[in-house]
Amino acid sequence: MPYFNYHGRNKKLIKEGQLSDYFYEDKEGKRFLVLVFKDGRRFPVKEDRWIEYYKVIKDSAKEY
C-alpha cells in the first residue's frame, strides 16, 4: 500500500493560500485543530502536530 503524505499536502495547500479557516474541536476525549480549505474540505490535525502547523500558517499569512 502506498504512503500518502497527508501533512505534506495540507502544508502545501496552506502555503498556496488555500486555507480559509481553522478551528478547534473536541471529539472522543481528544482535541483537534481542524483545517478548512477553500474547496470546503476539512482535515483534523492531532495536538502533537499543532506547533508545526502554527508555523506554516504564520509564515503563510506573511505572504498574503
PDB file of N, CA and C in Angstrom:
ATOM      1  N   MET A   1       0.847  -1.179   0.000  1.00  0.00           N
ATOM      2  CA  MET A   1       0.000   0.000   0.000  1.00  0.00           C
ATOM      3  C   MET A   1       0.893   1.242   0.000  1.00  0.00           C
ATOM      4  N   PRO A   2       0.667   2.177  -0.919  1.00  0.00           N
ATOM      5  CA  PRO A   2       1.494   3.383  -0.977  1.00  0.00           C
ATOM      6  C   PRO A   2       1.189   4.327   0.187  1.00  0.00           C
ATOM      7  N   TYR A   3       2.178   5.088   0.559  1.00  0.00           N
ATOM      8  CA  TYR A   3       2.046   6.054   1.643  1.00  0.00           C
ATOM      9  C   TYR A   3       1.556   7.387   1.086  1.00  0.00           C
ATOM     10  N   PHE A   4       0.539   7.970   1.704  1.00  0.00           N
ATOM     11  CA  PHE A   4       0.040   9.278   1.294  1.00  0.00           C
ATOM     12  C   PHE A   4       0.476  10.301   2.336  1.00  0.00           C
ATOM     13  N   ASN A   5       1.195  11.320   1.899  1.00  0.00           N
ATOM     14  CA  ASN A   5       1.710  12.330   2.819  1.00  0.00           C
ATOM     15  C   ASN A   5       0.630  13.374   3.121  1.00  0.00           C
ATOM     16  N   TYR A   6      -0.242  13.040   4.025  1.00  0.00           N
ATOM     17  CA  TYR A   6      -1.358  13.871   4.456  1.00  0.00           C
ATOM     18  C   TYR A   6      -0.879  15.248   4.930  1.00  0.00           C
ATOM     19  N   HIS A   7       0.139  15.266   5.785  1.00  0.00           N
ATOM     20  CA  HIS A   7       0.615  16.530   6.342  1.00  0.00           C
ATOM     21  C   HIS A   7       1.341  17.372   5.295  1.00  0.00           C
ATOM     22  N   GLY A   8       2.096  16.742   4.441  1.00  0.00           N
ATOM     23  CA  GLY A   8       2.787  17.468   3.372  1.00  0.00           C
ATOM     24  C   GLY A   8       1.799  18.148   2.441  1.00  0.00           C
ATOM     25  N   ARG A   9       0.742  17.454   2.112  1.00  0.00           N
ATOM     26  CA  ARG A   9      -0.289  18.006   1.227  1.00  0.00           C
ATOM     27  C   ARG A   9      -0.998  19.180   1.887  1.00  0.00           C
ATOM     28  N   ASN A  10      -1.350  19.028   3.159  1.00  0.00           N
ATOM     29  CA  ASN A  10      -2.012  20.118   3.878  1.00  0.00           C
ATOM     30  C   ASN A  10      -1.129  21.351   3.945  1.00  0.00           C
ATOM     31  N   LYS A  11       0.137  21.162   4.251  1.00  0.00           N
ATOM     32  CA  LYS A  11       1.065  22.295   4.357  1.00  0.00           C
ATOM     33  C   LYS A  11       1.242  22.983   3.002  1.00  0.00           C
ATOM     34  N   LYS A  12       1.268  22.211   1.949  1.00  0.00           N
ATOM     35  CA  LYS A  12       1.385  22.781   0.597  1.00  0.00           C
ATOM     36  C   LYS A  12       0.170  23.649   0.284  1.00  0.00           C
ATOM     37  N   LEU A  13      -1.014  23.146   0.614  1.00  0.00           N
ATOM     38  CA  LEU A  13      -2.240  23.909   0.385  1.00  0.00           C
ATOM     39  C   LEU A  13      -2.252  25.201   1.207  1.00  0.00           C
ATOM     40  N   ILE A  14      -1.760  25.139   2.429  1.00  0.00           N
ATOM     41  CA  ILE A  14      -1.688  26.346   3.267  1.00  0.00           C
ATOM     42  C   ILE A  14      -0.748  27.364   2.632  1.00  0.00           C
ATOM     43  N   LYS A  15       0.417  26.906   2.194  1.00  0.00           N
ATOM     44  CA  LYS A  15       1.399  27.800   1.564  1.00  0.00           C
ATOM     45  C   LYS A  15       0.861  28.411   0.276  1.00  0.00           C
ATOM     46  N   GLU A  16      -0.026  27.714  -0.402  1.00  0.00           N
ATOM     47  CA  GLU A  16      -0.634  28.215  -1.644  1.00  0.00           C
ATOM     48  C   GLU A  16      -1.814  29.157  -1.381  1.00  0.00           C
ATOM     49  N   GLY A  17      -2.104  29.405  -0.107  1.00  0.00           N
ATOM     50  CA  GLY A  17      -3.188  30.323   0.238  1.00  0.00           C
ATOM     51  C   GLY A  17      -4.570  29.703   0.178  1.00  0.00           C
ATOM     52  N   GLN A  18      -4.657  28.383   0.264  1.00  0.00           N
ATOM     53  CA  GLN A  18      -5.941  27.690   0.147  1.00  0.00           C
ATOM     54  C   GLN A  18      -6.669  27.507   1.479  1.00  0.00           C
ATOM     55  N   LEU A  19      -6.016  27.860   2.589  1.00  0.00           N
ATOM     56  CA  LEU A  19      -6.664  27.722   3.899  1.00  0.00           C
ATOM     57  C   LEU A  19      -7.641  28.870   4.092  1.00  0.00           C
ATOM     58  N   SER A  20      -8.907  28.555   4.337  1.00  0.00           N
ATOM     59  CA  SER A  20      -9.897  29.608   4.532  1.00  0.00           C
ATOM     60  C   SER A  20     -10.213  29.832   6.008  1.00  0.00           C
ATOM     61  N   ASP A  21     -10.034  28.808   6.825  1.00  0.00           N
ATOM     62  CA  ASP A  21     -10.356  28.924   8.246  1.00  0.00           C
ATOM     63  C   ASP A  21      -9.761  27.736   8.988  1.00  0.00           C
ATOM     64  N   TYR A  22      -9.723  27.865  10.304  1.00  0.00           N
ATOM     65  CA  TYR A  22      -9.382  26.719  11.154  1.00  0.00           C
ATOM     66  C   TYR A  22     -10.059  26.913  12.500  1.00  0.00           C
ATOM     67  N   PHE A  23     -10.324  25.819  13.174  1.00  0.00           N
ATOM     68  CA  PHE A  23     -10.973  25.877  14.481  1.00  0.00           C
ATOM     69  C   PHE A  23     -10.563  24.636  15.265  1.00  0.00           C
ATOM     70  N   TYR A  24     -10.910  24.644  16.546  1.00  0.00           N
ATOM     71  CA  TYR A  24     -10.587  23.522  17.424  1.00  0.00           C
ATOM     72  C   TYR A  24     -11.863  22.743  17.697  1.00  0.00           C
ATOM     73  N   GLU A  25     -11.691  21.426  17.823  1.00  0.00           N
ATOM     74  CA  GLU A  25     -12.841  20.559  18.057  1.00  0.00           C
ATOM     75  C   GLU A  25     -12.450  19.469  19.041  1.00  0.00           C
ATOM     76  N   ASP A  26     -13.327  19.212  19.981  1.00  0.00           N
ATOM     77  CA  ASP A  26     -13.146  18.112  20.921  1.00  0.00           C
ATOM     78  C   ASP A  26     -13.979  16.945  20.437  1.00  0.00           C
ATOM     79  N   LYS A  27     -13.318  15.813  20.286  1.00  0.00           N
ATOM     80  CA  LYS A  27     -14.027  14.632  19.792  1.00  0.00           C
ATOM     81  C   LYS A  27     -13.458  13.396  20.482  1.00  0.00           C
ATOM     82  N   GLU A  28     -14.333  12.616  21.061  1.00  0.00           N
ATOM     83  CA  GLU A  28     -13.953  11.366  21.717  1.00  0.00           C
ATOM     84  C   GLU A  28     -12.837  11.584  22.739  1.00  0.00           C
ATOM     85  N   GLY A  29     -12.926  12.672  23.486  1.00  0.00           N
ATOM     86  CA  GLY A  29     -11.949  12.953  24.537  1.00  0.00           C
ATOM     87  C   GLY A  29     -10.618  13.488  24.033  1.00  0.00           C
ATOM     88  N   LYS A  30     -10.522  13.787  22.754  1.00  0.00           N
ATOM     89  CA  LYS A  30      -9.289  14.326  22.177  1.00  0.00           C
ATOM     90  C   LYS A  30      -9.594  15.673  21.548  1.00  0.00           C
ATOM     91  N   ARG A  31      -8.554  16.487  21.427  1.00  0.00           N
ATOM     92  CA  ARG A  31      -8.712  17.825  20.847  1.00  0.00           C
ATOM     93  C   ARG A  31      -7.996  17.871  19.501  1.00  0.00           C
ATOM     94  N   PHE A  32      -8.662  18.444  18.511  1.00  0.00           N
ATOM     95  CA  PHE A  32      -8.118  18.535  17.161  1.00  0.00           C
ATOM     96  C   PHE A  32      -8.131  19.975  16.671  1.00  0.00           C
ATOM     97  N   LEU A  33      -7.153  20.306  15.855  1.00  0.00           N
ATOM     98  CA  LEU A  33      -7.142  21.533  15.076  1.00  0.00           C
ATOM     99  C   LEU A  33      -7.719  21.129  13.729  1.00  0.00           C
ATOM    100  N   VAL A  34      -8.818  21.733  13.337  1.00  0.00           N
ATOM    101  CA  VAL A  34      -9.471  21.371  12.076  1.00  0.00           C
ATOM    102  C   VAL A  34      -9.173  22.458  11.046  1.00  0.00           C
ATOM    103  N   LEU A  35      -8.522  22.058   9.970  1.00  0.00           N
ATOM    104  CA  LEU A  35      -8.198  22.972   8.883  1.00  0.00           C
ATOM    105  C   LEU A  35      -9.331  22.954   7.876  1.00  0.00           C
ATOM    106  N   VAL A  36      -9.765  24.122   7.443  1.00  0.00           N
ATOM    107  CA  VAL A  36     -10.841  24.227   6.453  1.00  0.00           C
ATOM    108  C   VAL A  36     -10.262  24.927   5.231  1.00  0.00           C
ATOM    109  N   PHE A  37     -10.328  24.250   4.092  1.00  0.00           N
ATOM    110  CA  PHE A  37      -9.778  24.798   2.865  1.00  0.00           C
ATOM    111  C   PHE A  37     -10.874  25.410   2.004  1.00  0.00           C
ATOM    112  N   LYS A  38     -10.477  26.237   1.055  1.00  0.00           N
ATOM    113  CA  LYS A  38     -11.421  26.984   0.223  1.00  0.00           C
ATOM    114  C   LYS A  38     -12.404  26.104  -0.534  1.00  0.00           C
ATOM    115  N   ASP A  39     -12.023  24.878  -0.822  1.00  0.00           N
ATOM    116  CA  ASP A  39     -12.932  23.974  -1.536  1.00  0.00           C
ATOM    117  C   ASP A  39     -13.899  23.248  -0.591  1.00  0.00           C
ATOM    118  N   GLY A  40     -13.834  23.592   0.708  1.00  0.00           N
ATOM    119  CA  GLY A  40     -14.755  23.014   1.680  1.00  0.00           C
ATOM    120  C   GLY A  40     -14.227  21.807   2.426  1.00  0.00           C
ATOM    121  N   ARG A  41     -13.096  21.269   1.992  1.00  0.00           N
ATOM    122  CA  ARG A  41     -12.542  20.102   2.687  1.00  0.00           C
ATOM    123  C   ARG A  41     -12.064  20.483   4.078  1.00  0.00           C
ATOM    124  N   ARG A  42     -12.240  19.566   5.014  1.00  0.00           N
ATOM    125  CA  ARG A  42     -11.804  19.753   6.405  1.00  0.00           C
ATOM    126  C   ARG A  42     -10.861  18.620   6.774  1.00  0.00           C
ATOM    127  N   PHE A  43      -9.761  18.991   7.407  1.00  0.00           N
ATOM    128  CA  PHE A  43      -8.782  17.997   7.823  1.00  0.00           C
ATOM    129  C   PHE A  43      -8.449  18.190   9.298  1.00  0.00           C
ATOM    130  N   PRO A  44      -8.727  17.185  10.138  1.00  0.00           N
ATOM    131  CA  PRO A  44      -8.375  17.281  11.550  1.00  0.00           C
ATOM    132  C   PRO A  44      -6.888  16.977  11.753  1.00  0.00           C
ATOM    133  N   VAL A  45      -6.278  17.706  12.678  1.00  0.00           N
ATOM    134  CA  VAL A  45      -4.866  17.518  12.996  1.00  0.00           C
ATOM    135  C   VAL A  45      -4.758  17.264  14.494  1.00  0.00           C
ATOM    136  N   LYS A  46      -4.074  16.190  14.856  1.00  0.00           N
ATOM    137  CA  LYS A  46      -3.890  15.857  16.269  1.00  0.00           C
ATOM    138  C   LYS A  46      -2.988  16.886  16.949  1.00  0.00           C
ATOM    139  N   GLU A  47      -3.174  17.009  18.239  1.00  0.00           N
ATOM    140  CA  GLU A  47      -2.496  18.036  19.030  1.00  0.00           C
ATOM    141  C   GLU A  47      -0.972  17.971  18.945  1.00  0.00           C
ATOM    142  N   ASP A  48      -0.405  16.807  18.780  1.00  0.00           N
ATOM    143  CA  ASP A  48       1.057  16.694  18.735  1.00  0.00           C
ATOM    144  C   ASP A  48       1.669  17.304  17.473  1.00  0.00           C
ATOM    145  N   ARG A  49       0.859  17.672  16.484  1.00  0.00           N
ATOM    146  CA  ARG A  49       1.353  18.289  15.246  1.00  0.00           C
ATOM    147  C   ARG A  49       1.015  19.777  15.137  1.00  0.00           C
ATOM    148  N   TRP A  50       0.346  20.332  16.131  1.00  0.00           N
ATOM    149  CA  TRP A  50      -0.124  21.712  16.051  1.00  0.00           C
ATOM    150  C   TRP A  50       0.997  22.714  15.851  1.00  0.00           C
ATOM    151  N   ILE A  51       2.089  22.584  16.580  1.00  0.00           N
ATOM    152  CA  ILE A  51       3.168  23.573  16.518  1.00  0.00           C
ATOM    153  C   ILE A  51       3.698  23.732  15.102  1.00  0.00           C
ATOM    154  N   GLU A  52       3.910  22.629  14.402  1.00  0.00           N
ATOM    155  CA  GLU A  52       4.419  22.743  13.030  1.00  0.00           C
ATOM    156  C   GLU A  52       3.395  23.397  12.101  1.00  0.00           C
ATOM    157  N   TYR A  53       2.105  23.156  12.348  1.00  0.00           N
ATOM    158  CA  TYR A  53       1.070  23.804  11.540  1.00  0.00           C
ATOM    159  C   TYR A  53       0.970  25.294  11.862  1.00  0.00           C
ATOM    160  N   TYR A  54       1.108  25.659  13.135  1.00  0.00           N
ATOM    161  CA  TYR A  54       1.077  27.074  13.504  1.00  0.00           C
ATOM    162  C   TYR A  54       2.164  27.838  12.753  1.00  0.00           C
ATOM    163  N   LYS A  55       3.332  27.254  12.662  1.00  0.00           N
ATOM    164  CA  LYS A  55       4.443  27.909  11.965  1.00  0.00           C
ATOM    165  C   LYS A  55       4.121  28.106  10.484  1.00  0.00           C
ATOM    166  N   VAL A  56       3.589  27.075   9.840  1.00  0.00           N
ATOM    167  CA  VAL A  56       3.250  27.174   8.413  1.00  0.00           C
ATOM    168  C   VAL A  56       2.145  28.217   8.200  1.00  0.00           C
ATOM    169  N   ILE A  57       1.149  28.235   9.072  1.00  0.00           N
ATOM    170  CA  ILE A  57       0.057  29.206   8.954  1.00  0.00           C
ATOM    171  C   ILE A  57       0.594  30.624   9.147  1.00  0.00           C
ATOM    172  N   LYS A  58       1.436  30.797  10.147  1.00  0.00           N
ATOM    173  CA  LYS A  58       2.011  32.122  10.419  1.00  0.00           C
ATOM    174  C   LYS A  58       2.866  32.597   9.242  1.00  0.00           C
ATOM    175  N   ASP A  59       3.730  31.738   8.741  1.00  0.00           N
ATOM    176  CA  ASP A  59       4.595  32.101   7.620  1.00  0.00           C
ATOM    177  C   ASP A  59       3.771  32.388   6.356  1.00  0.00           C
ATOM    178  N   SER A  60       2.715  31.642   6.168  1.00  0.00           N
ATOM    179  CA  SER A  60       1.844  31.832   5.014  1.00  0.00           C
ATOM    180  C   SER A  60       1.100  33.156   5.093  1.00  0.00           C
ATOM    181  N   ALA A  61       0.705  33.541   6.293  1.00  0.00           N
ATOM    182  CA  ALA A  61      -0.039  34.796   6.485  1.00  0.00           C
ATOM    183  C   ALA A  61       0.825  35.997   6.116  1.00  0.00           C
ATOM    184  N   LYS A  62       2.128  35.891   6.299  1.00  0.00           N
ATOM    185  CA  LYS A  62       3.039  36.988   5.960  1.00  0.00           C
ATOM    186  C   LYS A  62       3.076  37.222   4.451  1.00  0.00           C
ATOM    187  N   GLU A  63       2.852  36.166   3.684  1.00  0.00           N
ATOM    188  CA  GLU A  63       2.915  36.250   2.238  1.00  0.00           C
ATOM    189  C   GLU A  63       1.684  36.903   1.627  1.00  0.00           C
ATOM    190  N   TYR A  64       0.552  36.859   2.350  1.00  0.00           N
ATOM    191  CA  TYR A  64      -0.695  37.361   1.773  1.00  0.00           C
ATOM    192  C   TYR A  64      -1.189  38.593   2.472  1.00  0.00           C
TER     193      TYR A  64
END
